[in-house]
Amino acid sequence: MRMATQSSYHPIICASFNQDNSCFAIGTRDGFKIFDCTTGKLLYEQVIGAFVIVEMLYRSSLLAIVGAGEQPSLSPRRLCLFNTVSGTALRELNFLTSILAVRVSRKRLIVVLQEQAYIYDVNSLEIKRIIDTVPNLKGLCAFSANSENPYLALPASVTKGSVLVYNVIDLQSHCEIHAHRSPLAALAFSSNGMYIATASEQGTIIRVHLISEATKSYSFRRGTYPSTIFSLSFGPSADRPDILLATSSSGSLHIFPLGLDLNDSQTVIRKTDKANTSMSEPVALRATVSVISFSGYFQEYGLRVNHKNEAAWSLEHELNLLTAVAEKSST
């Protein structure tokens, strides 16, 4: 999860987890860093200038990076495929307008511009398709790297919250989902690519749709008053029910359990600055929530919820990303 919006005074410009959530990368005014999610160790660092996009391909040596334009060599219109082993650029792709988002899987590379989305073969870098989109000033998109559900989601309207879902392997439009009355603010696929979560600029209702049938499965109320949704994220669902997380300008992190009966299908678990560490009833849901803030911290919270919808939070780990130093090799 990203816990704050990007701003000129924040030391971290961008942050992203890799596809299996084993690592995360940040871009700063000085360069970019890669961290291990489990240990918190700084794995890699390059101090070569400011970056607005740093995307990993699982735990491989391949990075897709885009500069912030503060140096002539780091244009926001240039995508660099970077090898962390050799410390050199493998290939560069140049565009006529600024790159607003990049997503990558083992088969596809997605580049989102203001009015177009490019789909590349990740190995040959052959352009497979160019999608003309509605004006997408924020580069809003969601991408499922799951091989069985390889979907790309893009806004389909500038006046309402419609989503175009595109199959990046078959190169065909899969469906269009009419999710909200007002324009979209955030999108996220579940880890298996079966569901998509959406939030509008109003920020009061978050909806979850089943992709295969383009039907609404869940609807959650985040709050009564409008709020800007910063990010949506699903938890892994290999052996447990899905959970959906949302961060917003209200200063809270909300968790919505999917497929878990906690007395009410509209259950909302809300985390504020105060942590509750007590729990009197047996635990029905247990999760670890990882948060990256643009102020420069990585935090891990332990969450426990009982069947009475009572939640207990505890801060398990906290790491200052700006002061972290890579361990020196003994060899």
C-alpha atoms as a PDB file:
ATOM      1  CA  MET A   1       0.000   0.000   0.000  1.00  0.00           C
ATOM      2  CA  ARG A   2       1.025   3.588  -0.607  1.00  0.00           C
ATOM      3  CA  MET A   3      -0.060   5.745   2.308  1.00  0.00           C
ATOM      4  CA  ALA A   4       0.293   9.259   0.915  1.00  0.00           C
ATOM      5  CA  THR A   5       0.066  11.169  -2.324  1.00  0.00           C
ATOM      6  CA  GLN A   6       3.113  12.207  -4.291  1.00  0.00           C
ATOM      7  CA  SER A   7       4.255  15.789  -3.701  1.00  0.00           C
ATOM      8  CA  SER A   8       7.306  17.883  -4.485  1.00  0.00           C
ATOM      9  CA  TYR A   9       8.413  17.990  -0.852  1.00  0.00           C
ATOM     10  CA  HIS A  10       8.225  14.255  -0.224  1.00  0.00           C
ATOM     11  CA  PRO A  11      11.642  12.527  -0.413  1.00  0.00           C
ATOM     12  CA  ILE A  12      10.164   9.444  -2.117  1.00  0.00           C
ATOM     13  CA  ILE A  13       8.776  10.094  -5.598  1.00  0.00           C
ATOM     14  CA  CYS A  14       7.442   6.601  -6.385  1.00  0.00           C
ATOM     15  CA  ALA A  15       7.040   3.225  -4.715  1.00  0.00           C
ATOM     16  CA  SER A  16       5.926  -0.192  -5.960  1.00  0.00           C
ATOM     17  CA  PHE A  17       5.887  -3.838  -4.868  1.00  0.00           C
ATOM     18  CA  ASN A  18       6.963  -6.568  -7.270  1.00  0.00           C
ATOM     19  CA  GLN A  19       4.474  -9.136  -8.592  1.00  0.00           C
ATOM     20  CA  ASP A  20       4.776 -11.625  -5.702  1.00  0.00           C
ATOM     21  CA  ASN A  21       5.239  -8.964  -2.998  1.00  0.00           C
ATOM     22  CA  SER A  22       8.659 -10.330  -2.050  1.00  0.00           C
ATOM     23  CA  CYS A  23      10.412  -7.021  -2.795  1.00  0.00           C
ATOM     24  CA  PHE A  24       9.612  -3.384  -3.303  1.00  0.00           C
ATOM     25  CA  ALA A  25      11.323  -0.506  -5.073  1.00  0.00           C
ATOM     26  CA  ILE A  26      11.364   3.223  -4.438  1.00  0.00           C
ATOM     27  CA  GLY A  27      12.443   6.167  -6.557  1.00  0.00           C
ATOM     28  CA  THR A  28      13.967   9.199  -4.860  1.00  0.00           C
ATOM     29  CA  ARG A  29      15.495  12.528  -5.856  1.00  0.00           C
ATOM     30  CA  ASP A  30      18.904  10.833  -5.923  1.00  0.00           C
ATOM     31  CA  GLY A  31      18.184   7.458  -7.543  1.00  0.00           C
ATOM     32  CA  PHE A  32      16.354   4.237  -6.745  1.00  0.00           C
ATOM     33  CA  LYS A  33      16.511   1.445  -4.165  1.00  0.00           C
ATOM     34  CA  ILE A  34      15.258  -2.148  -3.915  1.00  0.00           C
ATOM     35  CA  PHE A  35      14.351  -3.759  -0.584  1.00  0.00           C
ATOM     36  CA  ASP A  36      13.490  -7.269   0.579  1.00  0.00           C
ATOM     37  CA  CYS A  37       9.987  -7.271   2.109  1.00  0.00           C
ATOM     38  CA  THR A  38      10.695 -10.102   4.557  1.00  0.00           C
ATOM     39  CA  THR A  39      14.001  -8.902   5.994  1.00  0.00           C
ATOM     40  CA  GLY A  40      13.783  -5.193   5.218  1.00  0.00           C
ATOM     41  CA  LYS A  41      17.316  -5.325   3.804  1.00  0.00           C
ATOM     42  CA  LEU A  42      18.427  -2.904   1.114  1.00  0.00           C
ATOM     43  CA  LEU A  43      19.301  -5.193  -1.811  1.00  0.00           C
ATOM     44  CA  TYR A  44      20.300  -2.706  -4.493  1.00  0.00           C
ATOM     45  CA  GLU A  45      20.868   1.009  -4.939  1.00  0.00           C
ATOM     46  CA  GLN A  46      21.753   3.347  -7.790  1.00  0.00           C
ATOM     47  CA  VAL A  47      22.482   7.031  -7.156  1.00  0.00           C
ATOM     48  CA  ILE A  48      22.133   8.488 -10.643  1.00  0.00           C
ATOM     49  CA  GLY A  49      19.289  11.011 -10.466  1.00  0.00           C
ATOM     50  CA  ALA A  50      15.553  11.359  -9.835  1.00  0.00           C
ATOM     51  CA  PHE A  51      13.070   8.670 -10.971  1.00  0.00           C
ATOM     52  CA  VAL A  52       9.275   8.725 -11.207  1.00  0.00           C
ATOM     53  CA  ILE A  53       8.808   5.042 -12.146  1.00  0.00           C
ATOM     54  CA  VAL A  54      10.699   1.971 -10.907  1.00  0.00           C
ATOM     55  CA  GLU A  55       9.062  -1.378 -11.719  1.00  0.00           C
ATOM     56  CA  MET A  56      10.531  -4.802 -10.977  1.00  0.00           C
ATOM     57  CA  LEU A  57      10.012  -8.141 -12.754  1.00  0.00           C
ATOM     58  CA  TYR A  58       9.603 -10.446  -9.767  1.00  0.00           C
ATOM     59  CA  ARG A  59      13.093 -10.913  -8.200  1.00  0.00           C
ATOM     60  CA  SER A  60      14.926 -10.858 -11.511  1.00  0.00           C
ATOM     61  CA  SER A  61      17.669  -8.429 -12.478  1.00  0.00           C
ATOM     62  CA  LEU A  62      15.354  -6.559 -14.867  1.00  0.00           C
ATOM     63  CA  LEU A  63      13.966  -3.139 -13.955  1.00  0.00           C
ATOM     64  CA  ALA A  64      11.798  -0.749 -15.964  1.00  0.00           C
ATOM     65  CA  ILE A  65      12.707   2.807 -14.930  1.00  0.00           C
ATOM     66  CA  VAL A  66      11.665   6.299 -16.015  1.00  0.00           C
ATOM     67  CA  GLY A  67      13.454   9.483 -15.033  1.00  0.00           C
ATOM     68  CA  ALA A  68      11.839  12.572 -13.533  1.00  0.00           C
ATOM     69  CA  GLY A  69      13.352  14.907 -16.109  1.00  0.00           C
ATOM     70  CA  GLU A  70      15.563  16.750 -13.650  1.00  0.00           C
ATOM     71  CA  GLN A  71      18.607  15.672 -15.680  1.00  0.00           C
ATOM     72  CA  PRO A  72      18.752  15.708 -19.513  1.00  0.00           C
ATOM     73  CA  SER A  73      19.678  12.008 -19.564  1.00  0.00           C
ATOM     74  CA  LEU A  74      16.627  11.032 -17.494  1.00  0.00           C
ATOM     75  CA  SER A  75      13.748  12.195 -19.672  1.00  0.00           C
ATOM     76  CA  PRO A  76      10.187  11.314 -18.562  1.00  0.00           C
ATOM     77  CA  ARG A  77       9.571  10.325 -22.200  1.00  0.00           C
ATOM     78  CA  ARG A  78      12.227   7.587 -22.105  1.00  0.00           C
ATOM     79  CA  LEU A  79      11.757   4.096 -20.677  1.00  0.00           C
ATOM     80  CA  CYS A  80      14.966   2.314 -19.735  1.00  0.00           C
ATOM     81  CA  LEU A  81      15.173  -1.436 -19.209  1.00  0.00           C
ATOM     82  CA  PHE A  82      17.939  -1.715 -16.636  1.00  0.00           C
ATOM     83  CA  ASN A  83      20.015  -4.713 -15.544  1.00  0.00           C
ATOM     84  CA  THR A  84      20.904  -4.622 -11.851  1.00  0.00           C
ATOM     85  CA  VAL A  85      23.702  -7.209 -12.253  1.00  0.00           C
ATOM     86  CA  SER A  86      25.683  -5.288 -14.848  1.00  0.00           C
ATOM     87  CA  GLY A  87      24.400  -1.879 -13.729  1.00  0.00           C
ATOM     88  CA  THR A  88      23.735  -0.888 -17.347  1.00  0.00           C
ATOM     89  CA  ALA A  89      20.808  -0.170 -19.642  1.00  0.00           C
ATOM     90  CA  LEU A  90      19.703  -3.102 -21.804  1.00  0.00           C
ATOM     91  CA  ARG A  91      17.347  -1.139 -24.043  1.00  0.00           C
ATOM     92  CA  GLU A  92      15.661   2.255 -24.212  1.00  0.00           C
ATOM     93  CA  LEU A  93      12.225   3.115 -25.617  1.00  0.00           C
ATOM     94  CA  ASN A  94      11.410   6.720 -26.460  1.00  0.00           C
ATOM     95  CA  PHE A  95       7.959   8.283 -26.726  1.00  0.00           C
ATOM     96  CA  LEU A  96       6.562  11.630 -27.865  1.00  0.00           C
ATOM     97  CA  THR A  97       4.866  12.347 -24.524  1.00  0.00           C
ATOM     98  CA  SER A  98       5.628  11.602 -20.881  1.00  0.00           C
ATOM     99  CA  ILE A  99       5.316   8.038 -19.621  1.00  0.00           C
ATOM    100  CA  LEU A 100       2.690   7.966 -16.877  1.00  0.00           C
ATOM    101  CA  ALA A 101       2.739   4.286 -15.857  1.00  0.00           C
ATOM    102  CA  VAL A 102       4.644   1.084 -16.593  1.00  0.00           C
ATOM    103  CA  ARG A 103       3.649  -2.496 -15.779  1.00  0.00           C
ATOM    104  CA  VAL A 104       5.529  -5.690 -16.539  1.00  0.00           C
ATOM    105  CA  SER A 105       4.998  -9.457 -16.476  1.00  0.00           C
ATOM    106  CA  ARG A 106       6.979 -12.414 -17.781  1.00  0.00           C
ATOM    107  CA  LYS A 107       5.342 -11.995 -21.200  1.00  0.00           C
ATOM    108  CA  ARG A 108       4.226  -8.396 -21.510  1.00  0.00           C
ATOM    109  CA  LEU A 109       5.493  -4.867 -20.966  1.00  0.00           C
ATOM    110  CA  ILE A 110       2.808  -2.172 -20.648  1.00  0.00           C
ATOM    111  CA  VAL A 111       3.535   1.524 -21.163  1.00  0.00           C
ATOM    112  CA  VAL A 112       0.738   4.002 -20.431  1.00  0.00           C
ATOM    113  CA  LEU A 113       0.746   7.498 -21.913  1.00  0.00           C
ATOM    114  CA  GLN A 114      -1.891  10.219 -21.597  1.00  0.00           C
ATOM    115  CA  GLU A 115      -3.982   8.966 -24.535  1.00  0.00           C
ATOM    116  CA  GLN A 116      -2.417   5.630 -25.471  1.00  0.00           C
ATOM    117  CA  ALA A 117      -1.328   2.337 -23.940  1.00  0.00           C
ATOM    118  CA  TYR A 118       1.448   0.288 -25.601  1.00  0.00           C
ATOM    119  CA  ILE A 119       1.619  -3.486 -25.234  1.00  0.00           C
ATOM    120  CA  TYR A 120       5.056  -5.032 -25.912  1.00  0.00           C
ATOM    121  CA  ASP A 121       6.415  -8.548 -25.948  1.00  0.00           C
ATOM    122  CA  VAL A 122       8.740  -8.374 -22.961  1.00  0.00           C
ATOM    123  CA  ASN A 123      11.474 -10.488 -24.573  1.00  0.00           C
ATOM    124  CA  SER A 124      11.654  -9.093 -28.123  1.00  0.00           C
ATOM    125  CA  LEU A 125      10.165  -5.672 -27.313  1.00  0.00           C
ATOM    126  CA  GLU A 126       7.985  -6.033 -30.386  1.00  0.00           C
ATOM    127  CA  ILE A 127       4.894  -3.811 -30.215  1.00  0.00           C
ATOM    128  CA  LYS A 128       1.908  -6.161 -30.044  1.00  0.00           C
ATOM    129  CA  ARG A 129      -0.820  -3.545 -29.801  1.00  0.00           C
ATOM    130  CA  ILE A 130      -1.410   0.173 -29.276  1.00  0.00           C
ATOM    131  CA  ILE A 131      -4.661   1.040 -27.499  1.00  0.00           C
ATOM    132  CA  ASP A 132      -6.103   4.521 -27.957  1.00  0.00           C
ATOM    133  CA  THR A 133      -7.599   5.646 -24.661  1.00  0.00           C
ATOM    134  CA  VAL A 134      -9.630   8.506 -23.288  1.00  0.00           C
ATOM    135  CA  PRO A 135      -7.466  11.288 -21.783  1.00  0.00           C
ATOM    136  CA  ASN A 136      -5.795   9.662 -18.785  1.00  0.00           C
ATOM    137  CA  LEU A 137      -3.838  12.460 -17.142  1.00  0.00           C
ATOM    138  CA  LYS A 138      -2.812  10.397 -14.093  1.00  0.00           C
ATOM    139  CA  GLY A 139      -1.845   7.285 -16.043  1.00  0.00           C
ATOM    140  CA  LEU A 140      -4.477   5.318 -14.149  1.00  0.00           C
ATOM    141  CA  CYS A 141      -4.283   1.584 -14.848  1.00  0.00           C
ATOM    142  CA  ALA A 142      -4.229  -1.857 -13.275  1.00  0.00           C
ATOM    143  CA  PHE A 143      -2.411  -4.943 -14.530  1.00  0.00           C
ATOM    144  CA  SER A 144      -2.700  -8.614 -13.633  1.00  0.00           C
ATOM    145  CA  ALA A 145       0.555 -10.513 -14.147  1.00  0.00           C
ATOM    146  CA  ASN A 146      -1.291 -13.812 -13.563  1.00  0.00           C
ATOM    147  CA  SER A 147      -0.753 -16.063 -16.599  1.00  0.00           C
ATOM    148  CA  GLU A 148      -4.341 -17.377 -16.528  1.00  0.00           C
ATOM    149  CA  ASN A 149      -5.934 -13.930 -16.256  1.00  0.00           C
ATOM    150  CA  PRO A 150      -3.539 -11.516 -18.012  1.00  0.00           C
ATOM    151  CA  TYR A 151      -5.671  -8.389 -17.900  1.00  0.00           C
ATOM    152  CA  LEU A 152      -5.001  -4.699 -18.304  1.00  0.00           C
ATOM    153  CA  ALA A 153      -7.584  -2.231 -16.982  1.00  0.00           C
ATOM    154  CA  LEU A 154      -7.850   1.357 -18.213  1.00  0.00           C
ATOM    155  CA  PRO A 155     -10.409   4.166 -17.812  1.00  0.00           C
ATOM    156  CA  ALA A 156     -13.095   4.034 -20.513  1.00  0.00           C
ATOM    157  CA  SER A 157     -14.640   7.443 -19.829  1.00  0.00           C
ATOM    158  CA  VAL A 158     -13.707  10.872 -18.478  1.00  0.00           C
ATOM    159  CA  THR A 159     -17.214  11.618 -17.180  1.00  0.00           C
ATOM    160  CA  LYS A 160     -18.094   8.387 -15.378  1.00  0.00           C
ATOM    161  CA  GLY A 161     -16.377   5.459 -13.721  1.00  0.00           C
ATOM    162  CA  SER A 162     -16.225   2.967 -16.581  1.00  0.00           C
ATOM    163  CA  VAL A 163     -13.369   0.469 -16.921  1.00  0.00           C
ATOM    164  CA  LEU A 164     -12.040  -1.170 -20.080  1.00  0.00           C
ATOM    165  CA  VAL A 165     -10.589  -4.627 -19.370  1.00  0.00           C
ATOM    166  CA  TYR A 166      -8.195  -5.892 -22.036  1.00  0.00           C
ATOM    167  CA  ASN A 167      -6.566  -9.314 -22.451  1.00  0.00           C
ATOM    168  CA  VAL A 168      -2.888  -8.569 -23.154  1.00  0.00           C
ATOM    169  CA  ILE A 169      -2.122 -12.074 -24.497  1.00  0.00           C
ATOM    170  CA  ASP A 170      -5.103 -12.498 -26.831  1.00  0.00           C
ATOM    171  CA  LEU A 171      -4.891  -8.751 -27.590  1.00  0.00           C
ATOM    172  CA  GLN A 172      -8.668  -8.445 -27.397  1.00  0.00           C
ATOM    173  CA  SER A 173     -11.028  -6.306 -25.364  1.00  0.00           C
ATOM    174  CA  HIS A 174     -12.526  -8.553 -22.674  1.00  0.00           C
ATOM    175  CA  CYS A 175     -15.295  -6.370 -21.247  1.00  0.00           C
ATOM    176  CA  GLU A 176     -16.306  -2.914 -20.119  1.00  0.00           C
ATOM    177  CA  ILE A 177     -17.448  -2.448 -16.527  1.00  0.00           C
ATOM    178  CA  HIS A 178     -19.642   0.463 -15.463  1.00  0.00           C
ATOM    179  CA  ALA A 179     -18.509   0.774 -11.868  1.00  0.00           C
ATOM    180  CA  HIS A 180     -19.272   4.337 -10.710  1.00  0.00           C
ATOM    181  CA  ARG A 181     -21.180   7.456 -11.676  1.00  0.00           C
ATOM    182  CA  SER A 182     -18.154   9.726 -11.249  1.00  0.00           C
ATOM    183  CA  PRO A 183     -14.696   9.289 -12.875  1.00  0.00           C
ATOM    184  CA  LEU A 184     -12.256   6.674 -11.622  1.00  0.00           C
ATOM    185  CA  ALA A 185      -9.564   7.406  -9.038  1.00  0.00           C
ATOM    186  CA  ALA A 186      -8.048   3.966  -8.346  1.00  0.00           C
ATOM    187  CA  LEU A 187      -7.962   0.439  -9.798  1.00  0.00           C
ATOM    188  CA  ALA A 188      -6.485  -2.868  -8.602  1.00  0.00           C
ATOM    189  CA  PHE A 189      -6.674  -6.527  -9.647  1.00  0.00           C
ATOM    190  CA  SER A 190      -6.722  -9.366  -7.143  1.00  0.00           C
ATOM    191  CA  SER A 191      -3.598 -11.525  -7.041  1.00  0.00           C
ATOM    192  CA  ASN A 192      -5.244 -14.199  -9.216  1.00  0.00           C
ATOM    193  CA  GLY A 193      -6.636 -11.651 -11.661  1.00  0.00           C
ATOM    194  CA  MET A 194     -10.216 -12.793 -11.110  1.00  0.00           C
ATOM    195  CA  TYR A 195     -11.474  -9.606  -9.466  1.00  0.00           C
ATOM    196  CA  ILE A 196     -10.991  -5.888 -10.000  1.00  0.00           C
ATOM    197  CA  ALA A 197     -11.539  -3.235  -7.327  1.00  0.00           C
ATOM    198  CA  THR A 198     -12.489   0.300  -8.286  1.00  0.00           C
ATOM    199  CA  ALA A 199     -12.900   3.641  -6.546  1.00  0.00           C
ATOM    200  CA  SER A 200     -14.200   6.884  -7.993  1.00  0.00           C
ATOM    201  CA  GLU A 201     -13.147  10.468  -7.402  1.00  0.00           C
ATOM    202  CA  GLN A 202     -15.964  10.674  -4.860  1.00  0.00           C
ATOM    203  CA  GLY A 203     -14.138   8.082  -2.756  1.00  0.00           C
ATOM    204  CA  THR A 204     -17.072   6.969  -0.626  1.00  0.00           C
ATOM    205  CA  ILE A 205     -17.863   3.604  -2.266  1.00  0.00           C
ATOM    206  CA  ILE A 206     -15.398   0.901  -3.309  1.00  0.00           C
ATOM    207  CA  ARG A 207     -16.677  -1.845  -5.579  1.00  0.00           C
ATOM    208  CA  VAL A 208     -15.288  -5.253  -6.528  1.00  0.00           C
ATOM    209  CA  HIS A 209     -16.264  -6.919  -9.826  1.00  0.00           C
ATOM    210  CA  LEU A 210     -15.843 -10.489 -11.061  1.00  0.00           C
ATOM    211  CA  ILE A 211     -13.923 -10.155 -14.331  1.00  0.00           C
ATOM    212  CA  SER A 212     -15.203 -13.315 -16.032  1.00  0.00           C
ATOM    213  CA  GLU A 213     -18.797 -12.092 -15.955  1.00  0.00           C
ATOM    214  CA  ALA A 214     -18.240  -8.316 -15.521  1.00  0.00           C
ATOM    215  CA  THR A 215     -20.616  -8.400 -12.559  1.00  0.00           C
ATOM    216  CA  LYS A 216     -20.463  -6.628  -9.223  1.00  0.00           C
ATOM    217  CA  SER A 217     -19.612  -9.008  -6.384  1.00  0.00           C
ATOM    218  CA  TYR A 218     -18.998  -6.648  -3.455  1.00  0.00           C
ATOM    219  CA  SER A 219     -19.715  -3.046  -2.584  1.00  0.00           C
ATOM    220  CA  PHE A 220     -18.092  -1.381   0.429  1.00  0.00           C
ATOM    221  CA  ARG A 221     -18.668   2.034   1.952  1.00  0.00           C
ATOM    222  CA  ARG A 222     -15.350   3.633   2.856  1.00  0.00           C
ATOM    223  CA  GLY A 223     -16.955   6.659   4.486  1.00  0.00           C
ATOM    224  CA  THR A 224     -19.744   9.199   4.335  1.00  0.00           C
ATOM    225  CA  TYR A 225     -17.765  12.201   3.163  1.00  0.00           C
ATOM    226  CA  PRO A 226     -15.761  12.430  -0.107  1.00  0.00           C
ATOM    227  CA  SER A 227     -12.095  11.505   0.111  1.00  0.00           C
ATOM    228  CA  THR A 228      -9.268  11.032  -2.380  1.00  0.00           C
ATOM    229  CA  ILE A 229      -8.321   7.345  -2.704  1.00  0.00           C
ATOM    230  CA  PHE A 230      -4.535   7.051  -2.945  1.00  0.00           C
ATOM    231  CA  SER A 231      -4.298   3.312  -3.563  1.00  0.00           C
ATOM    232  CA  LEU A 232      -6.157  -0.007  -3.581  1.00  0.00           C
ATOM    233  CA  SER A 233      -4.473  -3.343  -2.978  1.00  0.00           C
ATOM    234  CA  PHE A 234      -5.580  -6.965  -2.592  1.00  0.00           C
ATOM    235  CA  GLY A 235      -3.897  -9.358  -0.200  1.00  0.00           C
ATOM    236  CA  PRO A 236      -2.628 -12.724  -1.555  1.00  0.00           C
ATOM    237  CA  SER A 237      -5.367 -15.343  -1.566  1.00  0.00           C
ATOM    238  CA  ALA A 238      -3.635 -18.709  -1.964  1.00  0.00           C
ATOM    239  CA  ASP A 239      -5.107 -20.335   1.138  1.00  0.00           C
ATOM    240  CA  ARG A 240      -7.289 -17.655   2.715  1.00  0.00           C
ATOM    241  CA  PRO A 241     -10.102 -15.253   1.751  1.00  0.00           C
ATOM    242  CA  ASP A 242      -9.197 -12.143  -0.188  1.00  0.00           C
ATOM    243  CA  ILE A 243      -8.897  -8.876   1.649  1.00  0.00           C
ATOM    244  CA  LEU A 244      -8.929  -5.467   0.004  1.00  0.00           C
ATOM    245  CA  LEU A 245      -7.110  -2.442   1.407  1.00  0.00           C
ATOM    246  CA  ALA A 246      -7.618   1.243   0.656  1.00  0.00           C
ATOM    247  CA  THR A 247      -5.672   4.328   1.684  1.00  0.00           C
ATOM    248  CA  SER A 248      -7.098   7.807   1.343  1.00  0.00           C
ATOM    249  CA  SER A 249      -6.746  11.480   2.217  1.00  0.00           C
ATOM    250  CA  SER A 250      -8.853  10.846   5.325  1.00  0.00           C
ATOM    251  CA  GLY A 251      -5.639   9.608   6.966  1.00  0.00           C
ATOM    252  CA  SER A 252      -6.971   6.106   7.525  1.00  0.00           C
ATOM    253  CA  LEU A 253      -6.320   2.681   6.074  1.00  0.00           C
ATOM    254  CA  HIS A 254      -9.458   0.599   5.494  1.00  0.00           C
ATOM    255  CA  ILE A 255      -9.593  -3.195   5.148  1.00  0.00           C
ATOM    256  CA  PHE A 256     -12.552  -4.952   3.544  1.00  0.00           C
ATOM    257  CA  PRO A 257     -12.723  -8.757   3.983  1.00  0.00           C
ATOM    258  CA  LEU A 258     -14.045 -10.650   0.942  1.00  0.00           C
ATOM    259  CA  GLY A 259     -15.603 -14.084   1.325  1.00  0.00           C
ATOM    260  CA  LEU A 260     -15.285 -14.053   5.110  1.00  0.00           C
ATOM    261  CA  ASP A 261     -18.448 -13.796   7.196  1.00  0.00           C
ATOM    262  CA  LEU A 262     -17.746 -11.397  10.017  1.00  0.00           C
ATOM    263  CA  ASN A 263     -21.475 -10.938  10.784  1.00  0.00           C
ATOM    264  CA  ASP A 264     -21.885  -8.491   7.886  1.00  0.00           C
ATOM    265  CA  SER A 265     -20.821  -8.499   4.239  1.00  0.00           C
ATOM    266  CA  GLN A 266     -20.266  -4.761   4.535  1.00  0.00           C
ATOM    267  CA  THR A 267     -17.617  -5.202   7.221  1.00  0.00           C
ATOM    268  CA  VAL A 268     -15.036  -2.410   7.296  1.00  0.00           C
ATOM    269  CA  ILE A 269     -11.910  -2.503   9.442  1.00  0.00           C
ATOM    270  CA  ARG A 270     -10.449   0.957   9.892  1.00  0.00           C
ATOM    271  CA  LYS A 271      -6.934   1.749  11.019  1.00  0.00           C
ATOM    272  CA  THR A 272      -6.012   5.203  12.261  1.00  0.00           C
ATOM    273  CA  ASP A 273      -2.896   6.430  14.061  1.00  0.00           C
ATOM    274  CA  LYS A 274      -3.927   4.709  17.302  1.00  0.00           C
ATOM    275  CA  ALA A 275      -3.216   0.976  17.528  1.00  0.00           C
ATOM    276  CA  ASN A 276      -5.330  -1.437  19.509  1.00  0.00           C
ATOM    277  CA  THR A 277      -3.288  -4.394  20.711  1.00  0.00           C
ATOM    278  CA  SER A 278      -5.856  -6.273  22.852  1.00  0.00           C
ATOM    279  CA  MET A 279      -8.105  -9.110  21.689  1.00  0.00           C
ATOM    280  CA  SER A 280     -10.492 -11.077  23.900  1.00  0.00           C
ATOM    281  CA  GLU A 281     -12.176 -13.385  21.342  1.00  0.00           C
ATOM    282  CA  PRO A 282     -10.732 -16.085  19.031  1.00  0.00           C
ATOM    283  CA  VAL A 283      -9.203 -14.721  15.842  1.00  0.00           C
ATOM    284  CA  ALA A 284     -11.189 -15.095  12.592  1.00  0.00           C
ATOM    285  CA  LEU A 285      -8.818 -13.163  10.341  1.00  0.00           C
ATOM    286  CA  ARG A 286      -5.088 -12.624  10.642  1.00  0.00           C
ATOM    287  CA  ALA A 287      -3.002 -10.607   8.202  1.00  0.00           C
ATOM    288  CA  THR A 288       0.205  -8.649   7.805  1.00  0.00           C
ATOM    289  CA  VAL A 289      -0.216  -5.215   6.243  1.00  0.00           C
ATOM    290  CA  SER A 290       2.805  -3.555   4.611  1.00  0.00           C
ATOM    291  CA  VAL A 291       2.757   0.201   4.060  1.00  0.00           C
ATOM    292  CA  ILE A 292       5.170   2.465   2.181  1.00  0.00           C
ATOM    293  CA  SER A 293       4.796   6.165   2.938  1.00  0.00           C
ATOM    294  CA  PHE A 294       6.133   8.907   0.702  1.00  0.00           C
ATOM    295  CA  SER A 295       7.676  10.446   3.820  1.00  0.00           C
ATOM    296  CA  GLY A 296      10.227   7.612   3.683  1.00  0.00           C
ATOM    297  CA  TYR A 297       9.124   4.712   5.903  1.00  0.00           C
ATOM    298  CA  PHE A 298       8.251   1.048   5.425  1.00  0.00           C
ATOM    299  CA  GLN A 299       5.924  -0.252   8.140  1.00  0.00           C
ATOM    300  CA  GLU A 300       4.513  -3.717   8.832  1.00  0.00           C
ATOM    301  CA  TYR A 301       1.392  -4.070  10.944  1.00  0.00           C
ATOM    302  CA  GLY A 302      -0.043  -7.240  12.414  1.00  0.00           C
ATOM    303  CA  LEU A 303      -3.849  -7.382  12.138  1.00  0.00           C
ATOM    304  CA  ARG A 304      -6.217  -9.696  14.003  1.00  0.00           C
ATOM    305  CA  VAL A 305     -10.006  -9.641  13.692  1.00  0.00           C
ATOM    306  CA  ASN A 306     -12.525 -11.732  15.654  1.00  0.00           C
ATOM    307  CA  HIS A 307     -16.088 -12.738  14.705  1.00  0.00           C
ATOM    308  CA  LYS A 308     -17.464  -9.729  16.566  1.00  0.00           C
ATOM    309  CA  ASN A 309     -15.618  -7.509  14.078  1.00  0.00           C
ATOM    310  CA  GLU A 310     -13.241  -6.313  16.793  1.00  0.00           C
ATOM    311  CA  ALA A 311      -9.816  -5.514  15.346  1.00  0.00           C
ATOM    312  CA  ALA A 312      -6.427  -5.387  17.011  1.00  0.00           C
ATOM    313  CA  TRP A 313      -3.455  -3.680  15.323  1.00  0.00           C
ATOM    314  CA  SER A 314       0.196  -3.771  16.279  1.00  0.00           C
ATOM    315  CA  LEU A 315       3.232  -2.230  14.594  1.00  0.00           C
ATOM    316  CA  GLU A 316       5.647  -5.127  14.054  1.00  0.00           C
ATOM    317  CA  HIS A 317       8.444  -3.478  12.034  1.00  0.00           C
ATOM    318  CA  GLU A 318       9.420  -0.003  10.875  1.00  0.00           C
ATOM    319  CA  LEU A 319      12.262   0.904   8.516  1.00  0.00           C
ATOM    320  CA  ASN A 320      13.612   4.275   7.460  1.00  0.00           C
ATOM    321  CA  LEU A 321      14.078   3.788   3.725  1.00  0.00           C
ATOM    322  CA  LEU A 322      16.180   6.898   3.262  1.00  0.00           C
ATOM    323  CA  THR A 323      18.885   5.980   5.761  1.00  0.00           C
ATOM    324  CA  ALA A 324      19.071   2.247   4.977  1.00  0.00           C
ATOM    325  CA  VAL A 325      22.515   1.046   3.913  1.00  0.00           C
ATOM    326  CA  ALA A 326      23.202  -2.105   1.890  1.00  0.00           C
ATOM    327  CA  GLU A 327      25.214  -4.804   3.666  1.00  0.00           C
ATOM    328  CA  LYS A 328      28.729  -5.186   2.316  1.00  0.00           C
ATOM    329  CA  SER A 329      29.641  -8.546   0.886  1.00  0.00           C
ATOM    330  CA  SER A 330      32.300 -10.494   2.829  1.00  0.00           C
ATOM    331  CA  THR A 331      33.792 -11.895  -0.391  1.00  0.00           C
END
